[in-house]
């Protein structure tokens, strides 16, 4: 079972982010499943796990929302082909390459990932851990 239920990422242009993530996450079979004001929730099987939103949320001050601090978010891919499609879709949708698809053996031997910077500079990644799944921390 996942340890995080959902995450929200602040963006500076809600309409642009919604279009970007709708196209990019479609490569992972992740869809827009809910909107709440200026926030869009994306997920599989109808549950919004990843949100993008513009403006102050209930737990933020105006200063928190004025200039989002770039963060890193990694999405689970179900194959190397999905990682490749994610990377392609992100670049075609205005993202900037931050690490082409490939094996990252320094994480583990089956770690196949790709990194892209979204229009706000957030480092988004898709990873496939291989047929054996995530092997746990390196020893």
Protein backbone atom coordinates (compact mmCIF):
# COMPACT_ATOMS: atom_id res chain seq x y z
CA UNK A 1 0.00 0.00 0.00
CA UNK A 2 1.33 3.51 -0.83
CA UNK A 3 2.42 5.70 2.06
CA UNK A 4 1.14 8.94 0.48
CA UNK A 5 -2.53 9.42 -0.36
CA UNK A 6 -2.12 12.52 -2.54
CA UNK A 7 0.10 15.52 -3.22
CA UNK A 8 -0.63 19.04 -4.48
CA UNK A 9 1.87 21.06 -6.49
CA UNK A 10 1.48 24.84 -6.81
CA UNK A 11 1.66 26.26 -10.33
CA UNK A 12 1.71 29.79 -11.70
CA UNK A 13 -0.68 29.21 -14.62
CA UNK A 14 -3.49 26.76 -13.87
CA UNK A 15 -4.79 26.45 -17.44
CA UNK A 16 -1.30 25.78 -18.81
CA UNK A 17 -0.52 23.24 -16.10
CA UNK A 18 -3.83 21.42 -16.58
CA UNK A 19 -3.20 21.04 -20.32
CA UNK A 20 0.44 20.01 -19.76
CA UNK A 21 -0.31 17.35 -17.15
CA UNK A 22 -3.38 16.04 -19.00
CA UNK A 23 -1.18 15.29 -22.03
CA UNK A 24 1.90 14.09 -20.14
CA UNK A 25 0.15 11.83 -17.64
CA UNK A 26 -2.00 10.26 -20.36
CA UNK A 27 1.20 8.45 -21.40
CA UNK A 28 1.00 6.66 -18.03
CA UNK A 29 -2.76 6.01 -18.30
CA UNK A 30 -3.33 8.69 -15.65
CA UNK A 31 -6.34 10.91 -16.29
CA UNK A 32 -7.87 14.12 -15.00
CA UNK A 33 -10.47 12.79 -12.57
CA UNK A 34 -11.54 15.83 -10.55
CA UNK A 35 -11.44 19.61 -10.51
CA UNK A 36 -12.00 21.76 -7.47
CA UNK A 37 -11.80 25.47 -8.18
CA UNK A 38 -8.34 26.17 -9.62
CA UNK A 39 -7.05 22.68 -8.81
CA UNK A 40 -6.97 19.59 -11.00
CA UNK A 41 -6.66 16.07 -9.61
CA UNK A 42 -5.13 13.29 -11.70
CA UNK A 43 -5.09 9.56 -11.07
CA UNK A 44 -5.90 6.05 -12.16
CA UNK A 45 -9.18 4.28 -11.43
CA UNK A 46 -10.98 7.49 -10.53
CA UNK A 47 -8.87 8.48 -7.48
CA UNK A 48 -6.98 11.79 -7.67
CA UNK A 49 -3.48 11.13 -6.30
CA UNK A 50 -1.67 14.07 -7.90
CA UNK A 51 -3.02 17.62 -7.88
CA UNK A 52 -1.88 20.85 -9.52
CA UNK A 53 -3.35 24.12 -8.34
CA UNK A 54 -2.95 27.86 -8.63
CA UNK A 55 -3.40 30.18 -5.70
CA UNK A 56 -3.42 29.87 -1.95
CA UNK A 57 -4.73 26.71 -0.36
CA UNK A 58 -6.19 26.53 3.13
CA UNK A 59 -2.83 25.77 4.74
CA UNK A 60 -0.82 28.47 2.92
CA UNK A 61 -0.23 32.18 3.18
CA UNK A 62 -0.26 34.39 0.07
CA UNK A 63 3.56 34.40 0.19
CA UNK A 64 3.65 30.59 0.00
CA UNK A 65 1.61 30.59 -3.22
CA UNK A 66 3.22 33.59 -4.92
CA UNK A 67 6.34 31.85 -6.23
CA UNK A 68 6.17 28.05 -6.09
CA UNK A 69 9.39 26.36 -5.02
CA UNK A 70 10.21 23.64 -7.56
CA UNK A 71 9.83 20.12 -6.18
CA UNK A 72 10.46 16.60 -7.45
CA UNK A 73 7.58 14.20 -8.11
CA UNK A 74 8.02 10.70 -9.52
CA UNK A 75 5.18 8.83 -11.21
CA UNK A 76 5.00 5.03 -11.43
CA UNK A 77 5.19 3.64 -14.95
CA UNK A 78 4.15 0.09 -15.75
CA UNK A 79 6.75 -0.43 -18.48
CA UNK A 80 9.80 1.11 -20.09
CA UNK A 81 7.56 2.05 -23.01
CA UNK A 82 5.43 4.16 -20.66
CA UNK A 83 8.55 5.94 -19.39
CA UNK A 84 9.57 6.68 -22.98
CA UNK A 85 6.06 7.89 -23.88
CA UNK A 86 5.96 10.10 -20.75
CA UNK A 87 9.26 11.74 -21.70
CA UNK A 88 8.15 12.30 -25.32
CA UNK A 89 4.77 13.72 -24.29
CA UNK A 90 6.39 16.07 -21.77
CA UNK A 91 8.84 17.47 -24.33
CA UNK A 92 6.07 17.84 -26.93
CA UNK A 93 3.94 19.68 -24.35
CA UNK A 94 6.52 22.30 -23.38
CA UNK A 95 8.57 20.46 -20.78
CA UNK A 96 12.38 20.60 -20.78
CA UNK A 97 14.56 17.51 -20.76
CA UNK A 98 16.24 16.91 -17.41
CA UNK A 99 17.34 13.31 -18.00
CA UNK A 100 16.47 11.16 -21.01
CA UNK A 101 14.92 7.73 -20.49
CA UNK A 102 17.45 5.17 -19.36
CA UNK A 103 18.69 2.84 -16.66
CA UNK A 104 19.87 4.55 -13.47
CA UNK A 105 21.90 1.66 -12.03
CA UNK A 106 23.15 3.83 -9.17
CA UNK A 107 19.59 3.56 -7.76
CA UNK A 108 19.26 -0.13 -8.61
CA UNK A 109 19.93 -2.33 -11.62
CA UNK A 110 16.32 -2.26 -12.91
CA UNK A 111 15.62 1.46 -12.34
CA UNK A 112 14.48 2.87 -15.70
CA UNK A 113 13.49 6.51 -15.47
CA UNK A 114 13.17 9.82 -17.29
CA UNK A 115 13.21 13.36 -15.90
CA UNK A 116 11.58 16.52 -17.25
CA UNK A 117 11.13 20.05 -15.94
CA UNK A 118 7.52 21.21 -16.21
CA UNK A 119 6.66 24.83 -17.18
CA UNK A 120 7.11 25.95 -13.54
CA UNK A 121 10.45 24.16 -13.13
CA UNK A 122 9.11 21.20 -11.13
CA UNK A 123 11.26 18.11 -11.72
CA UNK A 124 8.85 15.39 -12.79
CA UNK A 125 9.93 11.83 -13.36
CA UNK A 126 8.46 8.54 -14.51
CA UNK A 127 10.07 5.30 -13.33
CA UNK A 128 9.68 1.63 -14.07
CA UNK A 129 11.39 -0.62 -11.54
CA UNK A 130 11.49 -3.66 -13.82
CA UNK A 131 9.58 -6.89 -13.77
CA UNK A 132 10.87 -7.74 -10.31
CA UNK A 133 9.68 -4.46 -8.83
CA UNK A 134 11.47 -2.22 -6.36
CA UNK A 135 14.24 -4.22 -4.65
CA UNK A 136 14.50 -1.99 -1.57
CA UNK A 137 17.41 0.13 -0.39
CA UNK A 138 20.91 -0.65 -1.54
CA UNK A 139 23.00 -2.39 1.07
